[in-house]
Amino acid sequence: MSARTLLTIGIVWFAAVVLWIRFGPESFGFEWPAKGVWRTLSVAALYVLGLLYQLFVFGWLVPIALGIYRFVKKH
């Protein structure tokens, strides 16, 4: 991928993150009244969603960094 493509992907991703934080739901909703196995599955699902959310929020840094690196290396 070219530097321009990586920078474009990073900028679009960053815009999506800003829009999600601004207009997205405040929480995914907790199902704490659940008991037994359903409570365990709920906690596990929320943990996985939390990790994926962090990847979504900070993932734009990778294409931006690679794009800047390739742009600087090229010039």
PDB file of N, CA and C in Angstrom:
ATOM      1  N   MET A   1       0.830  -1.171   0.000  1.00  0.00           N
ATOM      2  CA  MET A   1       0.000   0.000   0.000  1.00  0.00           C
ATOM      3  C   MET A   1       0.876   1.236   0.000  1.00  0.00           C
ATOM      4  N   SER A   2       0.386   2.236  -0.652  1.00  0.00           N
ATOM      5  CA  SER A   2       1.147   3.475  -0.709  1.00  0.00           C
ATOM      6  C   SER A   2       0.928   4.295   0.562  1.00  0.00           C
ATOM      7  N   ALA A   3       1.779   5.282   0.732  1.00  0.00           N
ATOM      8  CA  ALA A   3       1.674   6.149   1.914  1.00  0.00           C
ATOM      9  C   ALA A   3       0.344   6.898   1.897  1.00  0.00           C
ATOM     10  N   ARG A   4      -0.076   7.343   0.725  1.00  0.00           N
ATOM     11  CA  ARG A   4      -1.333   8.081   0.617  1.00  0.00           C
ATOM     12  C   ARG A   4      -2.520   7.202   1.021  1.00  0.00           C
ATOM     13  N   THR A   5      -2.517   5.950   0.590  1.00  0.00           N
ATOM     14  CA  THR A   5      -3.599   5.030   0.942  1.00  0.00           C
ATOM     15  C   THR A   5      -3.641   4.789   2.452  1.00  0.00           C
ATOM     16  N   LEU A   6      -2.479   4.557   3.046  1.00  0.00           N
ATOM     17  CA  LEU A   6      -2.430   4.328   4.495  1.00  0.00           C
ATOM     18  C   LEU A   6      -2.894   5.558   5.272  1.00  0.00           C
ATOM     19  N   LEU A   7      -2.480   6.734   4.838  1.00  0.00           N
ATOM     20  CA  LEU A   7      -2.913   7.955   5.509  1.00  0.00           C
ATOM     21  C   LEU A   7      -4.419   8.155   5.365  1.00  0.00           C
ATOM     22  N   THR A   8      -4.959   7.856   4.195  1.00  0.00           N
ATOM     23  CA  THR A   8      -6.399   7.977   3.980  1.00  0.00           C
ATOM     24  C   THR A   8      -7.166   7.012   4.878  1.00  0.00           C
ATOM     25  N   ILE A   9      -6.705   5.761   4.957  1.00  0.00           N
ATOM     26  CA  ILE A   9      -7.350   4.776   5.828  1.00  0.00           C
ATOM     27  C   ILE A   9      -7.298   5.245   7.276  1.00  0.00           C
ATOM     28  N   GLY A  10      -6.157   5.733   7.712  1.00  0.00           N
ATOM     29  CA  GLY A  10      -6.014   6.214   9.091  1.00  0.00           C
ATOM     30  C   GLY A  10      -6.920   7.394   9.397  1.00  0.00           C
ATOM     31  N   ILE A  11      -7.034   8.323   8.451  1.00  0.00           N
ATOM     32  CA  ILE A  11      -7.876   9.505   8.667  1.00  0.00           C
ATOM     33  C   ILE A  11      -9.352   9.120   8.708  1.00  0.00           C
ATOM     34  N   VAL A  12      -9.773   8.239   7.799  1.00  0.00           N
ATOM     35  CA  VAL A  12     -11.167   7.794   7.796  1.00  0.00           C
ATOM     36  C   VAL A  12     -11.478   7.018   9.071  1.00  0.00           C
ATOM     37  N   TRP A  13     -10.552   6.166   9.484  1.00  0.00           N
ATOM     38  CA  TRP A  13     -10.737   5.393  10.723  1.00  0.00           C
ATOM     39  C   TRP A  13     -10.851   6.330  11.919  1.00  0.00           C
ATOM     40  N   PHE A  14      -9.966   7.335  11.978  1.00  0.00           N
ATOM     41  CA  PHE A  14     -10.001   8.302  13.066  1.00  0.00           C
ATOM     42  C   PHE A  14     -11.332   9.051  13.081  1.00  0.00           C
ATOM     43  N   ALA A  15     -11.821   9.445  11.908  1.00  0.00           N
ATOM     44  CA  ALA A  15     -13.116  10.134  11.828  1.00  0.00           C
ATOM     45  C   ALA A  15     -14.238   9.230  12.330  1.00  0.00           C
ATOM     46  N   ALA A  16     -14.170   7.934  11.988  1.00  0.00           N
ATOM     47  CA  ALA A  16     -15.186   6.986  12.462  1.00  0.00           C
ATOM     48  C   ALA A  16     -15.145   6.872  13.984  1.00  0.00           C
ATOM     49  N   VAL A  17     -13.955   6.858  14.560  1.00  0.00           N
ATOM     50  CA  VAL A  17     -13.815   6.778  16.019  1.00  0.00           C
ATOM     51  C   VAL A  17     -14.392   8.030  16.677  1.00  0.00           C
ATOM     52  N   VAL A  18     -14.082   9.192  16.137  1.00  0.00           N
ATOM     53  CA  VAL A  18     -14.595  10.437  16.714  1.00  0.00           C
ATOM     54  C   VAL A  18     -16.121  10.459  16.639  1.00  0.00           C
ATOM     55  N   LEU A  19     -16.684  10.059  15.494  1.00  0.00           N
ATOM     56  CA  LEU A  19     -18.136  10.028  15.357  1.00  0.00           C
ATOM     57  C   LEU A  19     -18.765   9.011  16.308  1.00  0.00           C
ATOM     58  N   TRP A  20     -18.114   7.845  16.463  1.00  0.00           N
ATOM     59  CA  TRP A  20     -18.647   6.828  17.378  1.00  0.00           C
ATOM     60  C   TRP A  20     -18.643   7.336  18.821  1.00  0.00           C
ATOM     61  N   ILE A  21     -17.546   7.963  19.222  1.00  0.00           N
ATOM     62  CA  ILE A  21     -17.463   8.473  20.594  1.00  0.00           C
ATOM     63  C   ILE A  21     -18.489   9.583  20.814  1.00  0.00           C
ATOM     64  N   ARG A  22     -18.686  10.410  19.802  1.00  0.00           N
ATOM     65  CA  ARG A  22     -19.619  11.535  19.928  1.00  0.00           C
ATOM     66  C   ARG A  22     -21.081  11.081  19.891  1.00  0.00           C
ATOM     67  N   PHE A  23     -21.436  10.198  18.943  1.00  0.00           N
ATOM     68  CA  PHE A  23     -22.836   9.861  18.718  1.00  0.00           C
ATOM     69  C   PHE A  23     -23.209   8.424  19.072  1.00  0.00           C
ATOM     70  N   GLY A  24     -22.235   7.603  19.464  1.00  0.00           N
ATOM     71  CA  GLY A  24     -22.512   6.205  19.781  1.00  0.00           C
ATOM     72  C   GLY A  24     -23.165   6.039  21.135  1.00  0.00           C
ATOM     73  N   PRO A  25     -23.541   4.811  21.462  1.00  0.00           N
ATOM     74  CA  PRO A  25     -24.169   4.574  22.768  1.00  0.00           C
ATOM     75  C   PRO A  25     -23.173   4.798  23.905  1.00  0.00           C
ATOM     76  N   GLU A  26     -23.696   5.176  25.043  1.00  0.00           N
ATOM     77  CA  GLU A  26     -22.826   5.453  26.185  1.00  0.00           C
ATOM     78  C   GLU A  26     -22.307   4.189  26.832  1.00  0.00           C
ATOM     79  N   SER A  27     -23.057   3.108  26.739  1.00  0.00           N
ATOM     80  CA  SER A  27     -22.600   1.831  27.258  1.00  0.00           C
ATOM     81  C   SER A  27     -23.284   0.727  26.471  1.00  0.00           C
ATOM     82  N   PHE A  28     -22.744  -0.458  26.548  1.00  0.00           N
ATOM     83  CA  PHE A  28     -23.317  -1.590  25.835  1.00  0.00           C
ATOM     84  C   PHE A  28     -24.427  -2.256  26.642  1.00  0.00           C
ATOM     85  N   GLY A  29     -24.640  -1.819  27.855  1.00  0.00           N
ATOM     86  CA  GLY A  29     -25.680  -2.393  28.703  1.00  0.00           C
ATOM     87  C   GLY A  29     -25.179  -3.642  29.406  1.00  0.00           C
ATOM     88  N   PHE A  30     -25.376  -3.682  30.683  1.00  0.00           N
ATOM     89  CA  PHE A  30     -24.926  -4.811  31.470  1.00  0.00           C
ATOM     90  C   PHE A  30     -26.121  -5.676  31.834  1.00  0.00           C
ATOM     91  N   GLU A  31     -25.920  -6.967  31.824  1.00  0.00           N
ATOM     92  CA  GLU A  31     -26.989  -7.892  32.199  1.00  0.00           C
ATOM     93  C   GLU A  31     -26.653  -8.528  33.546  1.00  0.00           C
ATOM     94  N   TRP A  32     -26.470  -7.705  34.556  1.00  0.00           N
ATOM     95  CA  TRP A  32     -26.072  -8.225  35.857  1.00  0.00           C
ATOM     96  C   TRP A  32     -27.151  -9.041  36.545  1.00  0.00           C
ATOM     97  N   PRO A  33     -28.456  -8.859  36.245  1.00  0.00           N
ATOM     98  CA  PRO A  33     -29.446  -9.723  36.887  1.00  0.00           C
ATOM     99  C   PRO A  33     -29.313 -11.196  36.467  1.00  0.00           C
ATOM    100  N   ALA A  34     -28.539 -11.467  35.428  1.00  0.00           N
ATOM    101  CA  ALA A  34     -28.353 -12.852  34.984  1.00  0.00           C
ATOM    102  C   ALA A  34     -27.669 -13.658  36.088  1.00  0.00           C
ATOM    103  N   LYS A  35     -27.960 -14.935  36.112  1.00  0.00           N
ATOM    104  CA  LYS A  35     -27.387 -15.811  37.134  1.00  0.00           C
ATOM    105  C   LYS A  35     -26.634 -16.960  36.484  1.00  0.00           C
ATOM    106  N   GLY A  36     -25.679 -17.509  37.205  1.00  0.00           N
ATOM    107  CA  GLY A  36     -24.978 -18.716  36.783  1.00  0.00           C
ATOM    108  C   GLY A  36     -24.199 -18.570  35.493  1.00  0.00           C
ATOM    109  N   VAL A  37     -24.467 -19.478  34.554  1.00  0.00           N
ATOM    110  CA  VAL A  37     -23.718 -19.531  33.291  1.00  0.00           C
ATOM    111  C   VAL A  37     -23.961 -18.272  32.471  1.00  0.00           C
ATOM    112  N   TRP A  38     -25.207 -17.767  32.471  1.00  0.00           N
ATOM    113  CA  TRP A  38     -25.509 -16.581  31.672  1.00  0.00           C
ATOM    114  C   TRP A  38     -24.738 -15.364  32.173  1.00  0.00           C
ATOM    115  N   ARG A  39     -24.533 -15.273  33.463  1.00  0.00           N
ATOM    116  CA  ARG A  39     -23.751 -14.160  34.002  1.00  0.00           C
ATOM    117  C   ARG A  39     -22.295 -14.286  33.561  1.00  0.00           C
ATOM    118  N   THR A  40     -21.749 -15.501  33.611  1.00  0.00           N
ATOM    119  CA  THR A  40     -20.369 -15.733  33.178  1.00  0.00           C
ATOM    120  C   THR A  40     -20.209 -15.397  31.704  1.00  0.00           C
ATOM    121  N   LEU A  41     -21.160 -15.834  30.894  1.00  0.00           N
ATOM    122  CA  LEU A  41     -21.095 -15.529  29.458  1.00  0.00           C
ATOM    123  C   LEU A  41     -21.232 -14.033  29.203  1.00  0.00           C
ATOM    124  N   SER A  42     -22.072 -13.361  29.964  1.00  0.00           N
ATOM    125  CA  SER A  42     -22.228 -11.912  29.815  1.00  0.00           C
ATOM    126  C   SER A  42     -20.936 -11.183  30.146  1.00  0.00           C
ATOM    127  N   VAL A  43     -20.307 -11.581  31.239  1.00  0.00           N
ATOM    128  CA  VAL A  43     -19.044 -10.941  31.634  1.00  0.00           C
ATOM    129  C   VAL A  43     -17.971 -11.202  30.581  1.00  0.00           C
ATOM    130  N   ALA A  44     -17.886 -12.430  30.071  1.00  0.00           N
ATOM    131  CA  ALA A  44     -16.899 -12.764  29.043  1.00  0.00           C
ATOM    132  C   ALA A  44     -17.159 -11.967  27.768  1.00  0.00           C
ATOM    133  N   ALA A  45     -18.416 -11.863  27.373  1.00  0.00           N
ATOM    134  CA  ALA A  45     -18.759 -11.111  26.159  1.00  0.00           C
ATOM    135  C   ALA A  45     -18.413  -9.632  26.319  1.00  0.00           C
ATOM    136  N   LEU A  46     -18.712  -9.054  27.484  1.00  0.00           N
ATOM    137  CA  LEU A  46     -18.377  -7.650  27.720  1.00  0.00           C
ATOM    138  C   LEU A  46     -16.870  -7.433  27.743  1.00  0.00           C
ATOM    139  N   TYR A  47     -16.120  -8.384  28.254  1.00  0.00           N
ATOM    140  CA  TYR A  47     -14.663  -8.290  28.261  1.00  0.00           C
ATOM    141  C   TYR A  47     -14.127  -8.286  26.836  1.00  0.00           C
ATOM    142  N   VAL A  48     -14.624  -9.198  26.010  1.00  0.00           N
ATOM    143  CA  VAL A  48     -14.183  -9.265  24.604  1.00  0.00           C
ATOM    144  C   VAL A  48     -14.579  -7.996  23.861  1.00  0.00           C
ATOM    145  N   LEU A  49     -15.808  -7.521  24.083  1.00  0.00           N
ATOM    146  CA  LEU A  49     -16.226  -6.277  23.437  1.00  0.00           C
ATOM    147  C   LEU A  49     -15.365  -5.100  23.886  1.00  0.00           C
ATOM    148  N   GLY A  50     -14.961  -5.092  25.142  1.00  0.00           N
ATOM    149  CA  GLY A  50     -14.075  -4.032  25.634  1.00  0.00           C
ATOM    150  C   GLY A  50     -12.721  -4.058  24.950  1.00  0.00           C
ATOM    151  N   LEU A  51     -12.182  -5.247  24.743  1.00  0.00           N
ATOM    152  CA  LEU A  51     -10.903  -5.352  24.032  1.00  0.00           C
ATOM    153  C   LEU A  51     -11.040  -4.921  22.577  1.00  0.00           C
ATOM    154  N   LEU A  52     -12.122  -5.339  21.925  1.00  0.00           N
ATOM    155  CA  LEU A  52     -12.346  -4.934  20.534  1.00  0.00           C
ATOM    156  C   LEU A  52     -12.576  -3.429  20.434  1.00  0.00           C
ATOM    157  N   TYR A  53     -13.232  -2.865  21.434  1.00  0.00           N
ATOM    158  CA  TYR A  53     -13.440  -1.420  21.447  1.00  0.00           C
ATOM    159  C   TYR A  53     -12.113  -0.674  21.539  1.00  0.00           C
ATOM    160  N   GLN A  54     -11.206  -1.164  22.378  1.00  0.00           N
ATOM    161  CA  GLN A  54      -9.890  -0.533  22.478  1.00  0.00           C
ATOM    162  C   GLN A  54      -9.132  -0.641  21.162  1.00  0.00           C
ATOM    163  N   LEU A  55      -9.235  -1.786  20.513  1.00  0.00           N
ATOM    164  CA  LEU A  55      -8.602  -1.952  19.207  1.00  0.00           C
ATOM    165  C   LEU A  55      -9.192  -0.975  18.207  1.00  0.00           C
ATOM    166  N   PHE A  56     -10.500  -0.795  18.225  1.00  0.00           N
ATOM    167  CA  PHE A  56     -11.158   0.151  17.334  1.00  0.00           C
ATOM    168  C   PHE A  56     -10.711   1.581  17.607  1.00  0.00           C
ATOM    169  N   VAL A  57     -10.642   1.964  18.882  1.00  0.00           N
ATOM    170  CA  VAL A  57     -10.330   3.346  19.240  1.00  0.00           C
ATOM    171  C   VAL A  57      -8.870   3.695  18.935  1.00  0.00           C
ATOM    172  N   PHE A  58      -7.946   2.773  19.175  1.00  0.00           N
ATOM    173  CA  PHE A  58      -6.528   3.089  18.993  1.00  0.00           C
ATOM    174  C   PHE A  58      -5.926   2.503  17.714  1.00  0.00           C
ATOM    175  N   GLY A  59      -6.684   1.721  16.982  1.00  0.00           N
ATOM    176  CA  GLY A  59      -6.166   1.068  15.784  1.00  0.00           C
ATOM    177  C   GLY A  59      -5.790   2.015  14.668  1.00  0.00           C
ATOM    178  N   TRP A  60      -6.395   3.199  14.620  1.00  0.00           N
ATOM    179  CA  TRP A  60      -6.089   4.149  13.558  1.00  0.00           C
ATOM    180  C   TRP A  60      -4.644   4.633  13.610  1.00  0.00           C
ATOM    181  N   LEU A  61      -3.995   4.468  14.748  1.00  0.00           N
ATOM    182  CA  LEU A  61      -2.608   4.915  14.868  1.00  0.00           C
ATOM    183  C   LEU A  61      -1.659   4.112  13.978  1.00  0.00           C
ATOM    184  N   VAL A  62      -1.969   2.843  13.747  1.00  0.00           N
ATOM    185  CA  VAL A  62      -1.088   1.985  12.944  1.00  0.00           C
ATOM    186  C   VAL A  62      -1.026   2.457  11.485  1.00  0.00           C
ATOM    187  N   PRO A  63      -2.158   2.623  10.771  1.00  0.00           N
ATOM    188  CA  PRO A  63      -2.033   3.089   9.395  1.00  0.00           C
ATOM    189  C   PRO A  63      -1.479   4.508   9.278  1.00  0.00           C
ATOM    190  N   ILE A  64      -1.791   5.360  10.249  1.00  0.00           N
ATOM    191  CA  ILE A  64      -1.229   6.718  10.217  1.00  0.00           C
ATOM    192  C   ILE A  64       0.292   6.661  10.359  1.00  0.00           C
ATOM    193  N   ALA A  65       0.771   5.873  11.322  1.00  0.00           N
ATOM    194  CA  ALA A  65       2.215   5.776  11.553  1.00  0.00           C
ATOM    195  C   ALA A  65       2.920   5.168  10.346  1.00  0.00           C
ATOM    196  N   LEU A  66       2.353   4.102   9.783  1.00  0.00           N
ATOM    197  CA  LEU A  66       2.970   3.493   8.604  1.00  0.00           C
ATOM    198  C   LEU A  66       2.951   4.441   7.410  1.00  0.00           C
ATOM    199  N   GLY A  67       1.864   5.173   7.241  1.00  0.00           N
ATOM    200  CA  GLY A  67       1.777   6.142   6.150  1.00  0.00           C
ATOM    201  C   GLY A  67       2.805   7.243   6.282  1.00  0.00           C
ATOM    202  N   ILE A  68       2.961   7.763   7.489  1.00  0.00           N
ATOM    203  CA  ILE A  68       3.967   8.815   7.714  1.00  0.00           C
ATOM    204  C   ILE A  68       5.371   8.254   7.481  1.00  0.00           C
ATOM    205  N   TYR A  69       5.622   7.049   7.975  1.00  0.00           N
ATOM    206  CA  TYR A  69       6.935   6.426   7.799  1.00  0.00           C
ATOM    207  C   TYR A  69       7.261   6.265   6.308  1.00  0.00           C
ATOM    208  N   ARG A  70       6.305   5.720   5.552  1.00  0.00           N
ATOM    209  CA  ARG A  70       6.554   5.518   4.115  1.00  0.00           C
ATOM    210  C   ARG A  70       6.687   6.831   3.374  1.00  0.00           C
ATOM    211  N   PHE A  71       5.925   7.843   3.783  1.00  0.00           N
ATOM    212  CA  PHE A  71       6.022   9.139   3.135  1.00  0.00           C
ATOM    213  C   PHE A  71       7.372   9.783   3.381  1.00  0.00           C
ATOM    214  N   VAL A  72       7.840   9.715   4.630  1.00  0.00           N
ATOM    215  CA  VAL A  72       9.143  10.306   4.973  1.00  0.00           C
ATOM    216  C   VAL A  72      10.277   9.516   4.322  1.00  0.00           C
ATOM    217  N   LYS A  73      10.154   8.218   4.297  1.00  0.00           N
ATOM    218  CA  LYS A  73      11.203   7.372   3.695  1.00  0.00           C
ATOM    219  C   LYS A  73      11.305   7.628   2.203  1.00  0.00           C
ATOM    220  N   LYS A  74      10.165   7.890   1.562  1.00  0.00           N
ATOM    221  CA  LYS A  74      10.126   8.117   0.117  1.00  0.00           C
ATOM    222  C   LYS A  74      10.727   9.480  -0.250  1.00  0.00           C
ATOM    223  N   HIS A  75      10.522  10.481   0.603  1.00  0.00           N
ATOM    224  CA  HIS A  75      10.999  11.831   0.286  1.00  0.00           C
ATOM    225  C   HIS A  75      12.249  12.101   1.010  1.00  0.00           C
TER     226      HIS A  75
END
